[in-house]
């Protein structure tokens, strides 16, 4: 999905960029709580621009800013975007051989373009969510006995 806008590779953010992202997400969330219509006012090179947005765009924009505030590199993918195995591995923060093993076990849908495997971004993100949900459940299970005994509370 091309917007015609520059899309630099994700890079580490400066402290100032993280501060701006935190400020942006706070302001956006506060605005979402009382807004009935979606529009943003941006200051670009001294010129004010007002952009009307579909309501559905505000949640993802807030998520993007929240990730940036945490210093996470951010890229935007349409669910239908196709990814190479290396791009998917990078997104999941696993090695490419590990990802290939997951594909061979049927953990994620993929298809071939010639001899190369391709994955839909939606499938990779769904796998990541399932993996994170399993990790959260395992953590809850590990701390449950301590919580029952009120240890470390």
Foldseek 3Di string as FASTA:
>chain_A
DDDVDDDDFFDFDDLVLLVVLVVVLVVLVVCVVPDPFDWDWDQDPNDIDIGGDDPVVSVVSSVQSVCVNVRHGDDDDDQQDKDFLCVLCVVLVHDSVVSVVCVVVVVFDWDDDVPTIIHGPNRSVVSSVVVVVVVVVVVCVVCVVCVVVVNPD
